Amino acid sequence: MANKVTNAESHLRTQEVYGLLSTGHSRTQIQQICSEKWRVSERQIDTYIKKARDLLFADADMARPAWLAEALQRLRTYENAAFKRGQIQTALNSVAAQAKLIGIDV
């Protein structure tokens, strides 16, 4: 019988499965990776997958204004970084993307 993992280790495993789901791995791929890495049962892997999916849903559960605000901030960050590196066209593209997001036709 396998040793019971700590809550912290279970959390880390769930986070790793979250990453695998986020990068498009299938259930079968995740099962293979986890069974080789942690030597756990298919049932336990499904538990990690369920917990990771719950986290994905929680992360995706945001209102349109919150998503828009985050997207605009990322674009501003890209604009500033591009400008500092002298990549003016990239900075301008970021400004155009910001305008498009808020409904201003450039």
Protein backbone atom coordinates (compact mmCIF):
# COMPACT_ATOMS: atom_id res chain seq x y z
CA MET A 1 0.00 0.00 0.00
CA ALA A 2 1.29 3.44 -0.94
CA ASN A 3 2.07 6.05 1.68
CA LYS A 4 -0.49 8.80 2.14
CA VAL A 5 0.77 12.12 0.80
CA THR A 6 0.63 15.33 2.79
CA ASN A 7 -1.87 18.08 1.98
CA ALA A 8 1.00 20.18 0.64
CA GLU A 9 2.16 17.40 -1.67
CA SER A 10 -1.40 16.77 -2.83
CA HIS A 11 -1.74 20.49 -3.58
CA LEU A 12 1.51 20.48 -5.58
CA ARG A 13 0.34 17.46 -7.57
CA THR A 14 -2.98 19.15 -8.28
CA GLN A 15 -1.10 22.25 -9.46
CA GLU A 16 1.04 20.11 -11.76
CA VAL A 17 -2.07 18.47 -13.24
CA TYR A 18 -3.57 21.98 -13.61
CA GLY A 19 -0.54 22.91 -15.68
CA LEU A 20 -0.91 19.79 -17.81
CA LEU A 21 -4.59 20.55 -18.45
CA SER A 22 -3.74 24.16 -19.23
CA THR A 23 -1.28 23.09 -21.90
CA GLY A 24 -3.76 20.75 -23.58
CA HIS A 25 -2.77 17.34 -22.26
CA SER A 26 -5.47 14.69 -22.50
CA ARG A 27 -6.70 12.58 -19.59
CA THR A 28 -4.77 9.61 -20.97
CA GLN A 29 -1.56 11.63 -21.23
CA ILE A 30 -2.01 12.97 -17.70
CA GLN A 31 -2.62 9.48 -16.36
CA GLN A 32 0.54 8.18 -18.00
CA ILE A 33 2.67 11.08 -16.71
CA CYS A 34 1.28 10.88 -13.17
CA SER A 35 1.41 7.11 -12.87
CA GLU A 36 5.07 7.11 -13.94
CA LYS A 37 6.02 10.08 -11.76
CA TRP A 38 4.07 9.33 -8.58
CA ARG A 39 3.15 5.64 -8.88
CA VAL A 40 -0.50 6.35 -8.02
CA SER A 41 -3.73 4.65 -9.07
CA GLU A 42 -5.95 5.74 -11.93
CA ARG A 43 -8.59 6.64 -9.36
CA GLN A 44 -6.19 8.97 -7.50
CA ILE A 45 -5.13 10.60 -10.77
CA ASP A 46 -8.80 11.23 -11.57
CA THR A 47 -9.10 12.94 -8.18
CA TYR A 48 -6.17 15.22 -9.05
CA ILE A 49 -7.73 15.92 -12.46
CA LYS A 50 -11.09 16.82 -10.86
CA LYS A 51 -9.44 19.18 -8.38
CA ALA A 52 -7.39 20.77 -11.17
CA ARG A 53 -10.51 21.22 -13.34
CA ASP A 54 -12.29 22.87 -10.40
CA LEU A 55 -9.37 25.33 -10.21
CA LEU A 56 -9.59 25.96 -13.97
CA PHE A 57 -13.30 26.73 -13.69
CA ALA A 58 -12.68 29.05 -10.75
CA ASP A 59 -9.97 30.88 -12.70
CA ALA A 60 -12.25 31.24 -15.72
CA ASP A 61 -15.21 32.44 -13.64
CA MET A 62 -14.84 36.16 -14.09
CA ALA A 63 -17.14 38.84 -15.32
CA ARG A 64 -16.50 40.53 -18.64
CA PRO A 65 -15.41 43.84 -17.03
CA ALA A 66 -12.79 42.06 -14.91
CA TRP A 67 -11.45 40.16 -17.91
CA LEU A 68 -11.37 43.36 -19.97
CA ALA A 69 -9.49 45.22 -17.23
CA GLU A 70 -6.88 42.46 -16.97
CA ALA A 71 -6.47 42.26 -20.75
CA LEU A 72 -6.04 46.02 -21.02
CA GLN A 73 -3.42 46.01 -18.27
CA ARG A 74 -1.46 43.24 -20.00
CA LEU A 75 -1.54 45.21 -23.24
CA ARG A 76 -0.31 48.34 -21.44
CA THR A 77 2.53 46.30 -19.99
CA TYR A 78 3.44 45.03 -23.46
CA GLU A 79 3.21 48.57 -24.86
CA ASN A 80 5.56 49.97 -22.21
CA ALA A 81 8.07 47.13 -22.57
CA ALA A 82 8.10 47.46 -26.35
CA PHE A 83 8.55 51.22 -26.16
CA LYS A 84 11.48 50.88 -23.74
CA ARG A 85 13.19 48.49 -26.16
CA GLY A 86 12.59 50.82 -29.09
CA GLN A 87 10.06 48.47 -30.70
CA ILE A 88 7.74 51.24 -31.76
CA GLN A 89 5.61 49.14 -34.13
CA THR A 90 4.94 46.59 -31.38
CA ALA A 91 3.99 49.41 -28.99
CA LEU A 92 1.64 50.87 -31.61
CA ASN A 93 0.10 47.45 -32.21
CA SER A 94 -0.57 47.18 -28.49
CA VAL A 95 -2.26 50.58 -28.47
CA ALA A 96 -4.42 49.51 -31.43
CA ALA A 97 -5.37 46.29 -29.62
CA GLN A 98 -6.30 48.29 -26.52
CA ALA A 99 -8.48 50.60 -28.61
CA LYS A 100 -10.17 47.66 -30.28
CA LEU A 101 -10.93 46.07 -26.90
CA ILE A 102 -12.70 49.20 -25.65
CA GLY A 103 -14.55 49.72 -28.93
CA ILE A 104 -12.58 52.55 -30.48
CA ASP A 105 -12.03 51.99 -34.19
CA VAL A 106 -8.48 53.02 -35.07
